């Protein structure tokens, strides 16, 4: 029996964040291993605002994002959120 099989799944407690940077640091440093079920399924959690969603990204775009994120020293999630935020802001400014 491994330590993994003997471990009970924890419930994720998401704190209130004072800034986007604080939230990004939280998610970037979160070790999800303790929140996985014994069957290897990723944890699911609900937030009051349902702020996180999943989207599909083409493999070739995902690879470019991963390389760029690595070069910048940030997670792919952080990079995608920054890029999308910038694009939305630019679009709003030109409308």
Protein backbone atom coordinates (compact mmCIF):
# COMPACT_ATOMS: atom_id res chain seq x y z
CA UNK A 1 0.00 0.00 0.00
CA UNK A 2 1.41 3.40 -0.95
CA UNK A 3 1.04 6.59 1.07
CA UNK A 4 -1.28 7.80 -1.69
CA UNK A 5 -3.73 4.93 -1.09
CA UNK A 6 -3.84 5.65 2.62
CA UNK A 7 -4.46 9.38 2.26
CA UNK A 8 -7.85 11.01 2.63
CA UNK A 9 -8.83 13.61 0.03
CA UNK A 10 -8.82 17.17 1.39
CA UNK A 11 -11.40 19.82 0.63
CA UNK A 12 -9.97 22.87 -1.10
CA UNK A 13 -10.34 26.11 0.83
CA UNK A 14 -10.03 29.09 -1.50
CA UNK A 15 -9.17 32.30 0.37
CA UNK A 16 -10.35 35.80 -0.51
CA UNK A 17 -7.69 37.58 -2.51
CA UNK A 18 -6.62 41.22 -2.22
CA UNK A 19 -5.22 41.39 -5.75
CA UNK A 20 -4.98 39.52 -9.02
CA UNK A 21 -1.30 38.91 -8.31
CA UNK A 22 -2.10 37.32 -4.93
CA UNK A 23 -4.67 35.06 -6.57
CA UNK A 24 -2.28 34.11 -9.38
CA UNK A 25 0.42 33.22 -6.83
CA UNK A 26 -2.06 31.03 -4.93
CA UNK A 27 -3.05 29.03 -8.02
CA UNK A 28 0.52 28.88 -9.36
CA UNK A 29 1.76 27.34 -6.11
CA UNK A 30 -1.18 25.02 -5.38
CA UNK A 31 -0.24 21.35 -5.16
CA UNK A 32 -3.36 19.53 -6.34
CA UNK A 33 -2.18 16.05 -5.27
CA UNK A 34 -3.97 16.30 -1.92
CA UNK A 35 -7.24 17.14 -3.67
CA UNK A 36 -7.34 14.14 -6.01
CA UNK A 37 -9.57 11.17 -5.38
CA UNK A 38 -7.91 7.79 -4.92
CA UNK A 39 -9.06 6.85 -8.42
CA UNK A 40 -6.91 9.66 -9.84
CA UNK A 41 -9.78 11.94 -10.79
CA UNK A 42 -9.04 15.66 -10.42
CA UNK A 43 -10.88 17.49 -7.69
CA UNK A 44 -13.90 19.63 -8.43
CA UNK A 45 -14.78 22.72 -6.44
CA UNK A 46 -17.40 25.42 -6.52
CA UNK A 47 -16.74 29.04 -5.80
CA UNK A 48 -19.31 31.69 -5.00
CA UNK A 49 -18.68 33.45 -8.31
CA UNK A 50 -17.84 30.32 -10.31
CA UNK A 51 -14.77 32.16 -11.51
CA UNK A 52 -12.85 29.26 -13.08
CA UNK A 53 -13.88 27.50 -16.28
CA UNK A 54 -12.19 24.98 -18.54
CA UNK A 55 -11.67 25.52 -22.25
CA UNK A 56 -10.12 23.40 -24.97
CA UNK A 57 -7.00 24.75 -26.66
CA UNK A 58 -5.53 23.35 -29.85
CA UNK A 59 -2.37 21.33 -29.12
CA UNK A 60 -0.11 23.54 -31.26
CA UNK A 61 -1.36 26.68 -29.48
CA UNK A 62 -1.00 24.98 -26.08
CA UNK A 63 2.62 24.12 -26.88
CA UNK A 64 3.40 27.74 -27.79
CA UNK A 65 1.68 28.92 -24.60
CA UNK A 66 3.66 26.47 -22.47
CA UNK A 67 6.96 27.56 -24.03
CA UNK A 68 6.12 31.24 -23.58
CA UNK A 69 4.96 30.73 -19.98
CA UNK A 70 8.12 28.79 -19.14
CA UNK A 71 10.30 31.52 -20.66
CA UNK A 72 8.47 34.14 -18.56
CA UNK A 73 8.59 32.06 -15.37
CA UNK A 74 4.82 31.89 -14.94
CA UNK A 75 2.21 29.16 -15.20
CA UNK A 76 0.28 28.61 -18.41
CA UNK A 77 -2.90 29.56 -16.55
CA UNK A 78 -1.45 32.90 -15.49
CA UNK A 79 -0.17 33.64 -18.99
CA UNK A 80 -3.52 32.80 -20.61
CA UNK A 81 -5.43 34.96 -18.14
CA UNK A 82 -3.08 37.90 -18.71
CA UNK A 83 -3.26 37.56 -22.50
CA UNK A 84 -7.05 37.30 -22.49
CA UNK A 85 -7.41 40.25 -20.11
CA UNK A 86 -5.17 42.40 -22.32
CA UNK A 87 -7.07 41.42 -25.46
CA UNK A 88 -10.47 42.13 -23.90
CA UNK A 89 -9.24 45.53 -22.68
CA UNK A 90 -7.84 46.39 -26.14
CA UNK A 91 -11.08 45.34 -27.79
CA UNK A 92 -13.14 47.48 -25.39
CA UNK A 93 -10.89 50.48 -26.06
CA UNK A 94 -11.33 50.25 -29.83
CA UNK A 95 -15.09 49.73 -29.68
